[in-house]
Amino acid sequence: MPRVTDTVSQPVLGGYYLSGGADPTADMAGGNFRSLTQYRSFADGYIFPGYNRPWLIKLGKAGVQINMVLELKHYGAPNAGPQTFTVDGVSYTVPAPAMTIQQRPGTTWPKAYGYNQVVGGECDGLFARALSQYRTLGFGVNIQIASELDTDHEFGTTESGKAYTWAGSDWRAVQAVNYILTWFKARTPPPGTTFSVGVGGFDRACYQRTHPESLMSRLDFLHWNAYATAAGQTALARFRRTKDWAVADLGPVALSRPVIIAEYGVRVAEIPNQAAWIATVPAAIGQLNAERGPWIARTNYFNSGWGTLVPKAAGLAALRAAYATRPYV
């Protein structure tokens, strides 16, 4: 597999995500946007480029670096049961997802394909379908396995009726991620393919459990997400939190990997002047990249949920200005 060769002498890639996976082309126009996050469920029949998303191919071929988050989580489409389909002349039958995640009390727990299902080979058809579509894309992407394992596991998980703790879910996830990496790498994915695993990075013990050196030796990037959701939370503090844990806790292989921040944002309810907060991001990233530890290579603003830009025009103007500033240029 190709090894990432980013160094501190290269610009950081400023990136974006638009709510609902919508076409971000208009929002990115006129700015130094060079990175993009997208989300897909392995349950979906159209992963690459995604259903009705020809714009993704245009952006990728124009040089925008795509971070494709592929999740075992089922997004709730009608095909929540078993699936039978043919990929490149081979017929596959995949059982219904057997795991529940994000088990926050008082909420509906999302379904996901279970880690036992993955390591037992029951999800191979899902991977085959994704890889077949990926080979027609015309460019390489970073495949981020899972969105946030810590969010998925925070309240434990249940698979086929058996409950697992947060820690137990983390260990099982590492086994499943290793299986997925082995599956894809054995089949020679397109040139330029890289891999990472997704975590929010809000719990130190979880970050340690999900980043053993044996796994990091097979990944190309570190990853965490960063949000300001309380008054007074600065960009530097939000980006620094998980980096400090990584430097203190992880091994040399992990620390040799550059970082993709697939989501960052600021919640307007607590910090109304989002534009002013965004204006501090370049200096924060520049300071962190000048310090010991992994180099932050990409930062993708999450214009959805906690990061929704209000007003949008002011937020986009702030992003354009930030990405026109060192270390983004």
C-alpha atoms as a PDB file:
ATOM      1  CA  MET A   1       0.000   0.000   0.000  1.00  0.00           C
ATOM      2  CA  PRO A   2       1.170   3.570  -0.613  1.00  0.00           C
ATOM      3  CA  ARG A   3       2.577   5.329   2.407  1.00  0.00           C
ATOM      4  CA  VAL A   4       1.545   8.869   3.167  1.00  0.00           C
ATOM      5  CA  THR A   5       4.528  11.202   2.824  1.00  0.00           C
ATOM      6  CA  ASP A   6       3.074  14.491   4.105  1.00  0.00           C
ATOM      7  CA  THR A   7       5.608  16.673   5.915  1.00  0.00           C
ATOM      8  CA  VAL A   8       5.355  19.944   7.764  1.00  0.00           C
ATOM      9  CA  SER A   9       6.670  21.740   4.696  1.00  0.00           C
ATOM     10  CA  GLN A  10       3.456  20.983   2.813  1.00  0.00           C
ATOM     11  CA  PRO A  11       0.250  22.994   3.147  1.00  0.00           C
ATOM     12  CA  VAL A  12      -2.533  21.651   5.327  1.00  0.00           C
ATOM     13  CA  LEU A  13      -5.600  20.836   3.231  1.00  0.00           C
ATOM     14  CA  GLY A  14      -8.663  22.835   4.197  1.00  0.00           C
ATOM     15  CA  GLY A  15     -11.866  20.897   3.677  1.00  0.00           C
ATOM     16  CA  TYR A  16     -15.618  20.751   4.049  1.00  0.00           C
ATOM     17  CA  TYR A  17     -18.748  18.664   4.521  1.00  0.00           C
ATOM     18  CA  LEU A  18     -22.267  19.816   3.652  1.00  0.00           C
ATOM     19  CA  SER A  19     -25.289  18.544   5.552  1.00  0.00           C
ATOM     20  CA  GLY A  20     -26.989  15.480   4.123  1.00  0.00           C
ATOM     21  CA  GLY A  21     -24.064  14.697   1.858  1.00  0.00           C
ATOM     22  CA  ALA A  22     -25.398  17.361  -0.492  1.00  0.00           C
ATOM     23  CA  ASP A  23     -23.453  18.771  -3.435  1.00  0.00           C
ATOM     24  CA  PRO A  24     -20.911  21.188  -1.869  1.00  0.00           C
ATOM     25  CA  THR A  25     -19.593  22.529  -5.168  1.00  0.00           C
ATOM     26  CA  ALA A  26     -21.244  25.955  -4.890  1.00  0.00           C
ATOM     27  CA  ASP A  27     -20.117  26.420  -1.296  1.00  0.00           C
ATOM     28  CA  MET A  28     -16.522  25.509  -2.173  1.00  0.00           C
ATOM     29  CA  ALA A  29     -16.359  27.792  -5.225  1.00  0.00           C
ATOM     30  CA  GLY A  30     -13.835  30.605  -4.924  1.00  0.00           C
ATOM     31  CA  GLY A  31     -12.077  29.088  -1.931  1.00  0.00           C
ATOM     32  CA  ASN A  32      -8.975  27.008  -1.316  1.00  0.00           C
ATOM     33  CA  PHE A  33     -11.042  23.929  -0.465  1.00  0.00           C
ATOM     34  CA  ARG A  34      -8.880  20.890  -1.166  1.00  0.00           C
ATOM     35  CA  SER A  35     -10.450  18.176   0.968  1.00  0.00           C
ATOM     36  CA  LEU A  36     -13.942  16.729   1.398  1.00  0.00           C
ATOM     37  CA  THR A  37     -15.620  14.309   3.788  1.00  0.00           C
ATOM     38  CA  GLN A  38     -18.391  11.950   2.690  1.00  0.00           C
ATOM     39  CA  TYR A  39     -20.337   9.252   4.552  1.00  0.00           C
ATOM     40  CA  ARG A  40     -21.679   5.928   3.283  1.00  0.00           C
ATOM     41  CA  SER A  41     -23.171   2.850   4.887  1.00  0.00           C
ATOM     42  CA  PHE A  42     -21.919  -0.526   3.691  1.00  0.00           C
ATOM     43  CA  ALA A  43     -25.629  -1.414   3.529  1.00  0.00           C
ATOM     44  CA  ASP A  44     -26.147   1.018   0.651  1.00  0.00           C
ATOM     45  CA  GLY A  45     -26.303  -0.298  -2.886  1.00  0.00           C
ATOM     46  CA  TYR A  46     -24.530   2.821  -4.204  1.00  0.00           C
ATOM     47  CA  ILE A  47     -21.364   3.693  -2.271  1.00  0.00           C
ATOM     48  CA  PHE A  48     -18.944   5.019  -4.903  1.00  0.00           C
ATOM     49  CA  PRO A  49     -19.646   7.736  -5.905  1.00  0.00           C
ATOM     50  CA  GLY A  50     -23.006   7.426  -4.148  1.00  0.00           C
ATOM     51  CA  TYR A  51     -26.560   7.674  -5.439  1.00  0.00           C
ATOM     52  CA  ASN A  52     -27.042  10.723  -7.697  1.00  0.00           C
ATOM     53  CA  ARG A  53     -23.620  12.171  -6.826  1.00  0.00           C
ATOM     54  CA  PRO A  54     -21.782  12.700 -10.137  1.00  0.00           C
ATOM     55  CA  TRP A  55     -20.308  15.865  -8.627  1.00  0.00           C
ATOM     56  CA  LEU A  56     -18.106  13.720  -6.382  1.00  0.00           C
ATOM     57  CA  ILE A  57     -16.307  12.384  -9.444  1.00  0.00           C
ATOM     58  CA  LYS A  58     -15.807  15.901 -10.788  1.00  0.00           C
ATOM     59  CA  LEU A  59     -14.349  17.121  -7.510  1.00  0.00           C
ATOM     60  CA  GLY A  60     -12.110  14.073  -7.118  1.00  0.00           C
ATOM     61  CA  LYS A  61     -10.756  14.322 -10.628  1.00  0.00           C
ATOM     62  CA  ALA A  62     -10.138  18.040 -10.045  1.00  0.00           C
ATOM     63  CA  GLY A  63      -7.772  17.114  -7.224  1.00  0.00           C
ATOM     64  CA  VAL A  64      -9.965  17.470  -4.138  1.00  0.00           C
ATOM     65  CA  GLN A  65      -8.861  14.791  -1.655  1.00  0.00           C
ATOM     66  CA  ILE A  66     -11.845  12.661  -0.677  1.00  0.00           C
ATOM     67  CA  ASN A  67     -12.151  11.190   2.806  1.00  0.00           C
ATOM     68  CA  MET A  68     -14.781   8.470   2.386  1.00  0.00           C
ATOM     69  CA  VAL A  69     -16.246   7.300   5.686  1.00  0.00           C
ATOM     70  CA  LEU A  70     -17.548   3.747   5.263  1.00  0.00           C
ATOM     71  CA  GLU A  71     -19.703   2.589   8.150  1.00  0.00           C
ATOM     72  CA  LEU A  72     -21.077  -0.698   9.389  1.00  0.00           C
ATOM     73  CA  LYS A  73     -23.931   1.415  10.757  1.00  0.00           C
ATOM     74  CA  HIS A  74     -27.185   0.959   8.858  1.00  0.00           C
ATOM     75  CA  TYR A  75     -28.625   4.336   7.942  1.00  0.00           C
ATOM     76  CA  GLY A  76     -32.233   3.135   7.976  1.00  0.00           C
ATOM     77  CA  ALA A  77     -32.896   2.508   4.295  1.00  0.00           C
ATOM     78  CA  PRO A  78     -35.632  -0.017   3.455  1.00  0.00           C
ATOM     79  CA  ASN A  79     -33.139  -2.884   3.000  1.00  0.00           C
ATOM     80  CA  ALA A  80     -32.727  -3.498   6.731  1.00  0.00           C
ATOM     81  CA  GLY A  81     -33.092  -7.246   6.249  1.00  0.00           C
ATOM     82  CA  PRO A  82     -30.864  -9.747   4.451  1.00  0.00           C
ATOM     83  CA  GLN A  83     -29.510  -8.753   1.042  1.00  0.00           C
ATOM     84  CA  THR A  84     -28.762 -10.938  -1.951  1.00  0.00           C
ATOM     85  CA  PHE A  85     -26.937  -9.405  -4.900  1.00  0.00           C
ATOM     86  CA  THR A  86     -24.336 -10.161  -7.558  1.00  0.00           C
ATOM     87  CA  VAL A  87     -20.950  -8.468  -7.842  1.00  0.00           C
ATOM     88  CA  ASP A  88     -18.741  -9.134 -10.871  1.00  0.00           C
ATOM     89  CA  GLY A  89     -20.525 -12.393 -11.553  1.00  0.00           C
ATOM     90  CA  VAL A  90     -20.417 -13.654  -7.950  1.00  0.00           C
ATOM     91  CA  SER A  91     -23.605 -13.978  -5.908  1.00  0.00           C
ATOM     92  CA  TYR A  92     -23.559 -12.891  -2.264  1.00  0.00           C
ATOM     93  CA  THR A  93     -26.108 -13.141   0.524  1.00  0.00           C
ATOM     94  CA  VAL A  94     -25.538 -10.868   3.512  1.00  0.00           C
ATOM     95  CA  PRO A  95     -27.618 -11.318   6.675  1.00  0.00           C
ATOM     96  CA  ALA A  96     -29.486  -8.523   8.401  1.00  0.00           C
ATOM     97  CA  PRO A  97     -27.372  -6.332  10.701  1.00  0.00           C
ATOM     98  CA  ALA A  98     -27.153  -7.982  14.118  1.00  0.00           C
ATOM     99  CA  MET A  99     -25.672  -5.200  16.288  1.00  0.00           C
ATOM    100  CA  THR A 100     -27.043  -2.080  17.946  1.00  0.00           C
ATOM    101  CA  ILE A 101     -24.812   0.915  18.632  1.00  0.00           C
ATOM    102  CA  GLN A 102     -25.097   4.428  20.096  1.00  0.00           C
ATOM    103  CA  GLN A 103     -27.231   2.984  22.881  1.00  0.00           C
ATOM    104  CA  ARG A 104     -27.943   6.293  24.622  1.00  0.00           C
ATOM    105  CA  PRO A 105     -30.815   5.866  27.106  1.00  0.00           C
ATOM    106  CA  GLY A 106     -34.133   7.164  25.831  1.00  0.00           C
ATOM    107  CA  THR A 107     -33.157   6.994  22.164  1.00  0.00           C
ATOM    108  CA  THR A 108     -33.721   4.553  19.331  1.00  0.00           C
ATOM    109  CA  TRP A 109     -30.577   2.486  18.949  1.00  0.00           C
ATOM    110  CA  PRO A 110     -29.241   2.348  15.384  1.00  0.00           C
ATOM    111  CA  LYS A 111     -28.594  -1.018  13.783  1.00  0.00           C
ATOM    112  CA  ALA A 112     -25.178  -1.993  12.464  1.00  0.00           C
ATOM    113  CA  TYR A 113     -23.482  -5.026  11.014  1.00  0.00           C
ATOM    114  CA  GLY A 114     -21.885  -6.768  13.960  1.00  0.00           C
ATOM    115  CA  TYR A 115     -18.207  -7.234  14.577  1.00  0.00           C
ATOM    116  CA  ASN A 116     -18.753 -10.986  14.832  1.00  0.00           C
ATOM    117  CA  GLN A 117     -20.524 -10.853  11.471  1.00  0.00           C
ATOM    118  CA  VAL A 118     -17.529  -9.065   9.969  1.00  0.00           C
ATOM    119  CA  VAL A 119     -14.828 -11.410  11.262  1.00  0.00           C
ATOM    120  CA  GLY A 120     -17.025 -14.397  10.385  1.00  0.00           C
ATOM    121  CA  GLY A 121     -17.006 -13.355   6.709  1.00  0.00           C
ATOM    122  CA  GLU A 122     -20.735 -12.659   6.602  1.00  0.00           C
ATOM    123  CA  CYS A 123     -20.221  -9.094   5.325  1.00  0.00           C
ATOM    124  CA  ASP A 124     -17.754  -9.908   2.542  1.00  0.00           C
ATOM    125  CA  GLY A 125     -20.403  -9.204  -0.071  1.00  0.00           C
ATOM    126  CA  LEU A 126     -20.779  -5.653   1.205  1.00  0.00           C
ATOM    127  CA  PHE A 127     -17.042  -5.106   0.854  1.00  0.00           C
ATOM    128  CA  ALA A 128     -16.996  -6.688  -2.607  1.00  0.00           C
ATOM    129  CA  ARG A 129     -19.770  -4.386  -3.799  1.00  0.00           C
ATOM    130  CA  ALA A 130     -17.997  -1.315  -2.450  1.00  0.00           C
ATOM    131  CA  LEU A 131     -14.652  -2.281  -3.989  1.00  0.00           C
ATOM    132  CA  SER A 132     -16.182  -3.033  -7.378  1.00  0.00           C
ATOM    133  CA  GLN A 133     -17.744   0.435  -7.500  1.00  0.00           C
ATOM    134  CA  TYR A 134     -14.592   2.064  -6.173  1.00  0.00           C
ATOM    135  CA  ARG A 135     -12.531   0.619  -9.026  1.00  0.00           C
ATOM    136  CA  THR A 136     -14.621   2.604 -11.530  1.00  0.00           C
ATOM    137  CA  LEU A 137     -14.187   5.921  -9.712  1.00  0.00           C
ATOM    138  CA  GLY A 138     -10.983   6.989 -11.442  1.00  0.00           C
ATOM    139  CA  PHE A 139      -9.009   8.202  -8.423  1.00  0.00           C
ATOM    140  CA  GLY A 140      -7.910   7.040  -4.980  1.00  0.00           C
ATOM    141  CA  VAL A 141      -9.536   8.057  -1.706  1.00  0.00           C
ATOM    142  CA  ASN A 142      -8.882   7.685   1.980  1.00  0.00           C
ATOM    143  CA  ILE A 143     -11.210   5.023   3.359  1.00  0.00           C
ATOM    144  CA  GLN A 144     -12.093   5.914   6.927  1.00  0.00           C
ATOM    145  CA  ILE A 145     -13.598   2.857   8.595  1.00  0.00           C
ATOM    146  CA  ALA A 146     -16.421   4.036  10.907  1.00  0.00           C
ATOM    147  CA  SER A 147     -17.379   7.588  11.716  1.00  0.00           C
ATOM    148  CA  GLU A 148     -16.708   7.628  15.464  1.00  0.00           C
ATOM    149  CA  LEU A 149     -16.109   4.366  17.290  1.00  0.00           C
ATOM    150  CA  ASP A 150     -16.316   6.131  20.646  1.00  0.00           C
ATOM    151  CA  THR A 151     -19.754   7.549  19.830  1.00  0.00           C
ATOM    152  CA  ASP A 152     -20.858   4.096  18.673  1.00  0.00           C
ATOM    153  CA  HIS A 153     -19.587   2.371  21.844  1.00  0.00           C
ATOM    154  CA  GLU A 154     -20.055   4.958  24.604  1.00  0.00           C
ATOM    155  CA  PHE A 155     -23.096   3.191  26.072  1.00  0.00           C
ATOM    156  CA  GLY A 156     -22.029  -0.305  25.087  1.00  0.00           C
ATOM    157  CA  THR A 157     -23.207  -2.389  22.147  1.00  0.00           C
ATOM    158  CA  THR A 158     -25.362  -5.462  21.687  1.00  0.00           C
ATOM    159  CA  GLU A 159     -24.841  -8.138  19.043  1.00  0.00           C
ATOM    160  CA  SER A 160     -27.201 -11.076  18.531  1.00  0.00           C
ATOM    161  CA  GLY A 161     -28.667 -10.501  21.976  1.00  0.00           C
ATOM    162  CA  LYS A 162     -25.331 -10.328  23.833  1.00  0.00           C
ATOM    163  CA  ALA A 163     -24.329  -7.064  25.502  1.00  0.00           C
ATOM    164  CA  TYR A 164     -20.778  -5.712  25.435  1.00  0.00           C
ATOM    165  CA  THR A 165     -19.227  -2.922  27.492  1.00  0.00           C
ATOM    166  CA  TRP A 166     -17.620   0.155  25.962  1.00  0.00           C
ATOM    167  CA  ALA A 167     -14.174  -1.368  26.416  1.00  0.00           C
ATOM    168  CA  GLY A 168     -15.283  -4.754  25.092  1.00  0.00           C
ATOM    169  CA  SER A 169     -16.836  -3.067  22.062  1.00  0.00           C
ATOM    170  CA  ASP A 170     -13.587  -1.223  21.378  1.00  0.00           C
ATOM    171  CA  TRP A 171     -11.539  -4.424  21.401  1.00  0.00           C
ATOM    172  CA  ARG A 172     -14.045  -6.166  19.120  1.00  0.00           C
ATOM    173  CA  ALA A 173     -14.003  -3.205  16.746  1.00  0.00           C
ATOM    174  CA  VAL A 174     -10.210  -3.402  16.420  1.00  0.00           C
ATOM    175  CA  GLN A 175     -10.565  -7.040  15.344  1.00  0.00           C
ATOM    176  CA  ALA A 176     -13.229  -6.117  12.796  1.00  0.00           C
ATOM    177  CA  VAL A 177     -11.205  -3.201  11.416  1.00  0.00           C
ATOM    178  CA  ASN A 178      -8.212  -5.501  10.991  1.00  0.00           C
ATOM    179  CA  TYR A 179     -10.406  -7.943   9.091  1.00  0.00           C
ATOM    180  CA  ILE A 180     -11.692  -5.191   6.770  1.00  0.00           C
ATOM    181  CA  LEU A 181      -8.152  -3.923   6.136  1.00  0.00           C
ATOM    182  CA  THR A 182      -6.954  -7.429   5.326  1.00  0.00           C
ATOM    183  CA  TRP A 183      -9.900  -7.987   2.989  1.00  0.00           C
ATOM    184  CA  PHE A 184      -9.350  -4.791   0.980  1.00  0.00           C
ATOM    185  CA  LYS A 185      -5.560  -4.918   0.861  1.00  0.00           C
ATOM    186  CA  ALA A 186      -5.569  -8.514  -0.358  1.00  0.00           C
ATOM    187  CA  ARG A 187      -7.577  -7.403  -3.398  1.00  0.00           C
ATOM    188  CA  THR A 188      -5.335  -4.513  -4.517  1.00  0.00           C
ATOM    189  CA  PRO A 189      -7.521  -1.415  -4.221  1.00  0.00           C
ATOM    190  CA  PRO A 190      -6.961   1.459  -6.672  1.00  0.00           C
ATOM    191  CA  PRO A 191      -3.672   3.387  -6.592  1.00  0.00           C
ATOM    192  CA  GLY A 192      -3.672   6.174  -4.033  1.00  0.00           C
ATOM    193  CA  THR A 193      -5.896   4.331  -1.576  1.00  0.00           C
ATOM    194  CA  THR A 194      -5.181   5.055   2.074  1.00  0.00           C
ATOM    195  CA  PHE A 195      -6.921   3.942   5.274  1.00  0.00           C
ATOM    196  CA  SER A 196      -7.821   5.354   8.675  1.00  0.00           C
ATOM    197  CA  VAL A 197     -10.235   4.526  11.492  1.00  0.00           C
ATOM    198  CA  GLY A 198     -12.725   7.062  12.814  1.00  0.00           C
ATOM    199  CA  VAL A 199     -13.023   8.234  16.408  1.00  0.00           C
ATOM    200  CA  GLY A 200     -14.345  11.419  17.942  1.00  0.00           C
ATOM    201  CA  GLY A 201     -11.420  11.476  20.343  1.00  0.00           C
ATOM    202  CA  PHE A 202     -13.396  12.601  23.406  1.00  0.00           C
ATOM    203  CA  ASP A 203     -12.344   9.773  25.736  1.00  0.00           C
ATOM    204  CA  ARG A 204      -8.700   9.094  26.505  1.00  0.00           C
ATOM    205  CA  ALA A 205      -9.005   5.412  27.455  1.00  0.00           C
ATOM    206  CA  CYS A 206     -11.033   4.662  24.343  1.00  0.00           C
ATOM    207  CA  TYR A 207      -8.452   6.404  22.175  1.00  0.00           C
ATOM    208  CA  GLN A 208      -5.752   4.170  23.650  1.00  0.00           C
ATOM    209  CA  ARG A 209      -7.782   0.988  23.134  1.00  0.00           C
ATOM    210  CA  THR A 210      -8.613   1.753  19.512  1.00  0.00           C
ATOM    211  CA  HIS A 211      -5.043   2.664  18.483  1.00  0.00           C
ATOM    212  CA  PRO A 212      -2.756  -0.283  19.258  1.00  0.00           C
ATOM    213  CA  GLU A 213       0.516  -0.227  17.344  1.00  0.00           C
ATOM    214  CA  SER A 214      -0.433  -3.464  15.575  1.00  0.00           C
ATOM    215  CA  LEU A 215      -3.379  -1.671  13.991  1.00  0.00           C
ATOM    216  CA  MET A 216      -1.600   1.623  13.368  1.00  0.00           C
ATOM    217  CA  SER A 217       1.089  -0.195  11.393  1.00  0.00           C
ATOM    218  CA  ARG A 218      -1.648  -0.973   8.854  1.00  0.00           C
ATOM    219  CA  LEU A 219      -3.220   2.498   8.745  1.00  0.00           C
ATOM    220  CA  ASP A 220      -2.012   5.589   6.922  1.00  0.00           C
ATOM    221  CA  PHE A 221      -3.582   8.332   9.046  1.00  0.00           C
ATOM    222  CA  LEU A 222      -4.540   9.106  12.592  1.00  0.00           C
ATOM    223  CA  HIS A 223      -7.951  10.673  13.065  1.00  0.00           C
ATOM    224  CA  TRP A 224     -10.047  12.625  15.537  1.00  0.00           C
ATOM    225  CA  ASN A 225     -12.878  15.153  15.331  1.00  0.00           C
ATOM    226  CA  ALA A 226     -12.982  18.542  17.046  1.00  0.00           C
ATOM    227  CA  TYR A 227     -15.957  20.686  18.065  1.00  0.00           C
ATOM    228  CA  ALA A 228     -16.421  23.759  20.228  1.00  0.00           C
ATOM    229  CA  THR A 229     -19.734  23.257  22.031  1.00  0.00           C
ATOM    230  CA  ALA A 230     -19.354  25.463  25.104  1.00  0.00           C
ATOM    231  CA  ALA A 231     -18.583  29.141  25.570  1.00  0.00           C
ATOM    232  CA  GLY A 232     -14.880  29.770  25.898  1.00  0.00           C
ATOM    233  CA  GLN A 233     -13.719  26.652  24.060  1.00  0.00           C
ATOM    234  CA  THR A 234     -11.000  27.911  21.741  1.00  0.00           C
ATOM    235  CA  ALA A 235      -9.955  26.345  18.467  1.00  0.00           C
ATOM    236  CA  LEU A 236      -6.499  25.640  19.874  1.00  0.00           C
ATOM    237  CA  ALA A 237      -7.925  23.842  22.907  1.00  0.00           C
ATOM    238  CA  ARG A 238     -10.361  21.791  20.859  1.00  0.00           C
ATOM    239  CA  PHE A 239      -7.756  20.629  18.344  1.00  0.00           C
ATOM    240  CA  ARG A 240      -5.139  20.115  21.058  1.00  0.00           C
ATOM    241  CA  ARG A 241      -7.100  17.833  23.388  1.00  0.00           C
ATOM    242  CA  THR A 242      -6.765  14.580  21.473  1.00  0.00           C
ATOM    243  CA  LYS A 243      -3.328  15.413  20.107  1.00  0.00           C
ATOM    244  CA  ASP A 244      -1.999  15.702  23.652  1.00  0.00           C
ATOM    245  CA  TRP A 245      -3.422  12.275  24.507  1.00  0.00           C
ATOM    246  CA  ALA A 246      -1.897  10.803  21.370  1.00  0.00           C
ATOM    247  CA  VAL A 247       1.553  12.205  22.186  1.00  0.00           C
ATOM    248  CA  ALA A 248       1.357  10.953  25.771  1.00  0.00           C
ATOM    249  CA  ASP A 249      -0.176   7.535  25.150  1.00  0.00           C
ATOM    250  CA  LEU A 250       0.422   6.189  21.651  1.00  0.00           C
ATOM    251  CA  GLY A 251       3.423   4.436  20.199  1.00  0.00           C
ATOM    252  CA  PRO A 252       5.970   5.598  17.619  1.00  0.00           C
ATOM    253  CA  VAL A 253       4.151   4.076  14.660  1.00  0.00           C
ATOM    254  CA  ALA A 254       0.926   5.898  15.504  1.00  0.00           C
ATOM    255  CA  LEU A 255       2.777   9.154  16.034  1.00  0.00           C
ATOM    256  CA  SER A 256       4.440   8.833  12.625  1.00  0.00           C
ATOM    257  CA  ARG A 257       1.054   9.048  10.916  1.00  0.00           C
ATOM    258  CA  PRO A 258      -0.378  12.385   9.784  1.00  0.00           C
ATOM    259  CA  VAL A 259      -3.851  13.328  10.975  1.00  0.00           C
ATOM    260  CA  ILE A 260      -7.134  13.752   9.146  1.00  0.00           C
ATOM    261  CA  ILE A 261      -9.718  15.739  11.075  1.00  0.00           C
ATOM    262  CA  ALA A 262     -12.787  14.680   9.114  1.00  0.00           C
ATOM    263  CA  GLU A 263     -15.080  16.882  11.219  1.00  0.00           C
ATOM    264  CA  TYR A 264     -14.556  20.123  13.065  1.00  0.00           C
ATOM    265  CA  GLY A 265     -16.982  22.879  13.886  1.00  0.00           C
ATOM    266  CA  VAL A 266     -18.335  25.434  16.316  1.00  0.00           C
ATOM    267  CA  ARG A 267     -21.861  25.430  17.753  1.00  0.00           C
ATOM    268  CA  VAL A 268     -23.563  28.775  17.291  1.00  0.00           C
ATOM    269  CA  ALA A 269     -25.776  28.394  20.384  1.00  0.00           C
ATOM    270  CA  GLU A 270     -22.784  28.792  22.717  1.00  0.00           C
ATOM    271  CA  ILE A 271     -20.392  30.684  20.436  1.00  0.00           C
ATOM    272  CA  PRO A 272     -22.563  32.960  18.275  1.00  0.00           C
ATOM    273  CA  ASN A 273     -19.676  34.508  16.326  1.00  0.00           C
ATOM    274  CA  GLN A 274     -18.661  31.429  14.399  1.00  0.00           C
ATOM    275  CA  ALA A 275     -16.704  33.464  11.874  1.00  0.00           C
ATOM    276  CA  ALA A 276     -14.424  34.875  14.571  1.00  0.00           C
ATOM    277  CA  TRP A 277     -13.782  31.358  15.942  1.00  0.00           C
ATOM    278  CA  ILE A 278     -13.017  30.013  12.459  1.00  0.00           C
ATOM    279  CA  ALA A 279     -10.559  32.875  11.931  1.00  0.00           C
ATOM    280  CA  THR A 280      -8.438  31.469  14.775  1.00  0.00           C
ATOM    281  CA  VAL A 281      -8.163  27.987  13.221  1.00  0.00           C
ATOM    282  CA  PRO A 282      -5.104  28.600  10.987  1.00  0.00           C
ATOM    283  CA  ALA A 283      -2.989  29.851  13.895  1.00  0.00           C
ATOM    284  CA  ALA A 284      -4.152  26.946  16.066  1.00  0.00           C
ATOM    285  CA  ILE A 285      -3.250  24.333  13.454  1.00  0.00           C
ATOM    286  CA  GLY A 286       0.044  26.089  12.731  1.00  0.00           C
ATOM    287  CA  GLN A 287       0.986  26.068  16.411  1.00  0.00           C
ATOM    288  CA  LEU A 288       0.091  22.398  16.879  1.00  0.00           C
ATOM    289  CA  ASN A 289       2.008  21.378  13.765  1.00  0.00           C
ATOM    290  CA  ALA A 290       5.071  23.181  15.087  1.00  0.00           C
ATOM    291  CA  GLU A 291       4.974  21.112  18.277  1.00  0.00           C
ATOM    292  CA  ARG A 292       6.025  17.528  18.924  1.00  0.00           C
ATOM    293  CA  GLY A 293       3.634  14.864  17.718  1.00  0.00           C
ATOM    294  CA  PRO A 294       1.599  13.921  14.656  1.00  0.00           C
ATOM    295  CA  TRP A 295       1.179  16.470  11.899  1.00  0.00           C
ATOM    296  CA  ILE A 296      -2.389  17.575  11.135  1.00  0.00           C
ATOM    297  CA  ALA A 297      -2.720  17.182   7.363  1.00  0.00           C
ATOM    298  CA  ARG A 298      -6.405  17.875   6.657  1.00  0.00           C
ATOM    299  CA  THR A 299      -9.191  19.714   8.487  1.00  0.00           C
ATOM    300  CA  ASN A 300     -12.725  19.401   7.103  1.00  0.00           C
ATOM    301  CA  TYR A 301     -15.370  21.777   8.444  1.00  0.00           C
ATOM    302  CA  PHE A 302     -18.650  20.009   9.272  1.00  0.00           C
ATOM    303  CA  ASN A 303     -21.482  22.262   8.079  1.00  0.00           C
ATOM    304  CA  SER A 304     -24.159  20.160   9.759  1.00  0.00           C
ATOM    305  CA  GLY A 305     -25.306  19.325  13.274  1.00  0.00           C
ATOM    306  CA  TRP A 306     -23.105  21.010  15.878  1.00  0.00           C
ATOM    307  CA  GLY A 307     -21.147  22.811  13.187  1.00  0.00           C
ATOM    308  CA  THR A 308     -24.054  24.245  11.151  1.00  0.00           C
ATOM    309  CA  LEU A 309     -23.038  27.667   9.862  1.00  0.00           C
ATOM    310  CA  VAL A 310     -25.477  30.396  10.968  1.00  0.00           C
ATOM    311  CA  PRO A 311     -25.537  32.594   8.987  1.00  0.00           C
ATOM    312  CA  LYS A 312     -24.126  30.396   6.264  1.00  0.00           C
ATOM    313  CA  ALA A 313     -22.713  33.199   4.125  1.00  0.00           C
ATOM    314  CA  ALA A 314     -20.616  34.604   6.968  1.00  0.00           C
ATOM    315  CA  GLY A 315     -19.347  31.162   7.901  1.00  0.00           C
ATOM    316  CA  LEU A 316     -18.334  30.315   4.355  1.00  0.00           C
ATOM    317  CA  ALA A 317     -16.555  33.661   4.010  1.00  0.00           C
ATOM    318  CA  ALA A 318     -14.637  32.885   7.184  1.00  0.00           C
ATOM    319  CA  LEU A 319     -13.645  29.458   5.876  1.00  0.00           C
ATOM    320  CA  ARG A 320     -12.459  30.938   2.586  1.00  0.00           C
ATOM    321  CA  ALA A 321     -10.371  33.495   4.467  1.00  0.00           C
ATOM    322  CA  ALA A 322      -8.942  30.871   6.824  1.00  0.00           C
ATOM    323  CA  TYR A 323      -7.989  28.526   4.018  1.00  0.00           C
ATOM    324  CA  ALA A 324      -6.226  31.379   2.232  1.00  0.00           C
ATOM    325  CA  THR A 325      -3.901  31.708   5.248  1.00  0.00           C
ATOM    326  CA  ARG A 326      -0.905  29.738   6.446  1.00  0.00           C
ATOM    327  CA  PRO A 327      -0.631  26.794   7.059  1.00  0.00           C
ATOM    328  CA  TYR A 328      -3.282  26.191   4.363  1.00  0.00           C
ATOM    329  CA  VAL A 329      -1.189  27.916   1.681  1.00  0.00           C
END
